[in-house]
Each structure stands twice: as structure tokens, then as C-alpha cells.
Amino acid sequence: MAIVPKSGLKVVQGEESLSTYQFNTKVASHCFCSICGIYTHHQRRSNPNEYGYNVGCLEGVNPFDLEPVRVSDGANHPLDRIA
């Protein structure tokens, strides 16, 4: 994930296919593709003036070419703890 200022993100294709989900406080907005389900970006709760962006959604960018790469499987949050 890349962190960019709110003014630094522009969706250039597929905006009509994005769906937004908001959790509890509704401060953060999480965007997903309504066709394939991939997470694209979110407005951050910790700083609503920033977006977290899934670099795997950027054309021409292979996230595995970037170092270091933290991979999330989408089911297990890094802050989850096994009791």
C-alpha cells in the first residue's frame, strides 16, 4: 500500500464500478471494485486527508518488484492476535 495525499489520487478508469464501505465511525471510506471485489484504496481514518492505495492496482507496477513487500491475504489483519 502507498500513502498519498487526498489531492494526489485520481481514478482515471472504472470509477463507475467502485463500491464504498464504511465501518463503525464512518471516517474511513474503503473502496472496492464491484465487479471483481479487489480493494483499490481507502480514505484513512488516522488522517482523512490521505489515501492508502493498493499499488497492485496501478498499471505497470508489480508490487513484488518493490522492496520490502508486505503481503496481506485479505483475511488476516496484521494486528490480529491468535489467542
Protein backbone atom coordinates (compact mmCIF):
# COMPACT_ATOMS: atom_id res chain seq x y z
CA MET A 1 0.00 0.00 0.00
CA ALA A 2 1.15 3.50 -0.82
CA ILE A 3 0.08 6.53 1.20
CA VAL A 4 -0.80 9.56 -0.91
CA PRO A 5 -2.35 12.95 -0.11
CA LYS A 6 -6.07 13.14 -0.82
CA SER A 7 -5.33 15.52 -3.70
CA GLY A 8 -2.78 13.05 -5.12
CA LEU A 9 -5.23 10.32 -6.14
CA LYS A 10 -7.27 10.46 -9.30
CA VAL A 11 -9.25 7.48 -10.58
CA VAL A 12 -8.82 7.57 -14.35
CA GLN A 13 -10.78 4.46 -15.30
CA GLY A 14 -13.53 2.33 -13.77
CA GLU A 15 -14.83 4.80 -11.19
CA GLU A 16 -18.41 3.74 -12.02
CA SER A 17 -17.54 0.22 -10.83
CA LEU A 18 -16.26 1.26 -7.39
CA SER A 19 -18.28 0.47 -4.29
CA THR A 20 -17.58 2.11 -0.92
CA TYR A 21 -17.80 0.53 2.51
CA GLN A 22 -17.56 2.40 5.80
CA PHE A 23 -17.00 0.82 9.20
CA ASN A 24 -18.19 1.93 12.64
CA THR A 25 -17.14 5.61 12.81
CA LYS A 26 -17.61 6.14 9.06
CA VAL A 27 -14.49 8.30 8.96
CA ALA A 28 -12.60 5.94 6.67
CA SER A 29 -14.06 5.01 3.29
CA HIS A 30 -12.88 1.71 1.78
CA CYS A 31 -13.27 1.33 -1.99
CA PHE A 32 -13.62 -1.98 -3.80
CA CYS A 33 -14.31 -2.98 -7.39
CA SER A 34 -17.97 -4.07 -7.54
CA ILE A 35 -17.12 -6.48 -10.38
CA CYS A 36 -14.07 -8.40 -9.13
CA GLY A 37 -14.00 -7.37 -5.44
CA ILE A 38 -10.40 -6.14 -5.29
CA TYR A 39 -9.64 -3.48 -2.67
CA THR A 40 -8.37 -0.40 -4.51
CA HIS A 41 -7.96 2.36 -1.92
CA HIS A 42 -9.28 3.92 1.24
CA GLN A 43 -9.51 7.30 2.88
CA ARG A 44 -7.51 6.86 6.07
CA ARG A 45 -9.16 7.11 9.49
CA SER A 46 -5.87 8.19 11.12
CA ASN A 47 -5.54 11.03 8.60
CA PRO A 48 -8.64 11.69 6.48
CA ASN A 49 -6.54 13.95 4.22
CA GLU A 50 -4.65 10.89 2.96
CA TYR A 51 -5.48 7.79 0.95
CA GLY A 52 -3.97 4.35 1.27
CA TYR A 53 -3.70 2.89 -2.23
CA ASN A 54 -3.25 -0.72 -3.33
CA VAL A 55 -0.17 -0.46 -5.56
CA GLY A 56 -1.20 -3.74 -7.20
CA CYS A 57 -3.96 -1.73 -8.90
CA LEU A 58 -1.53 0.61 -10.63
CA GLU A 59 -0.97 -0.20 -14.27
CA GLY A 60 2.65 -1.09 -14.94
CA VAL A 61 3.54 -1.59 -11.26
CA ASN A 62 4.42 -5.04 -9.95
CA PRO A 63 4.36 -4.83 -6.13
CA PHE A 64 6.75 -7.78 -5.92
CA ASP A 65 9.40 -5.64 -7.65
CA LEU A 66 9.28 -3.25 -4.68
CA GLU A 67 11.28 -3.96 -1.53
CA PRO A 68 10.33 -4.80 1.11
CA VAL A 69 6.94 -6.22 0.20
CA ARG A 70 4.40 -6.94 2.92
CA VAL A 71 1.71 -9.24 1.61
CA SER A 72 -1.78 -9.45 3.08
CA ASP A 73 -4.05 -12.36 2.25
CA GLY A 74 -7.17 -10.24 2.81
CA ALA A 75 -8.47 -12.48 5.59
CA ASN A 76 -5.94 -11.98 8.38
CA HIS A 77 -5.23 -8.43 9.52
CA PRO A 78 -1.61 -7.86 10.64
CA LEU A 79 -2.86 -6.63 14.04
CA ASP A 80 -4.99 -9.71 14.72
CA ARG A 81 -3.67 -11.85 17.53
CA ILE A 82 -4.18 -15.56 17.93
CA ALA A 83 -5.24 -16.32 21.48
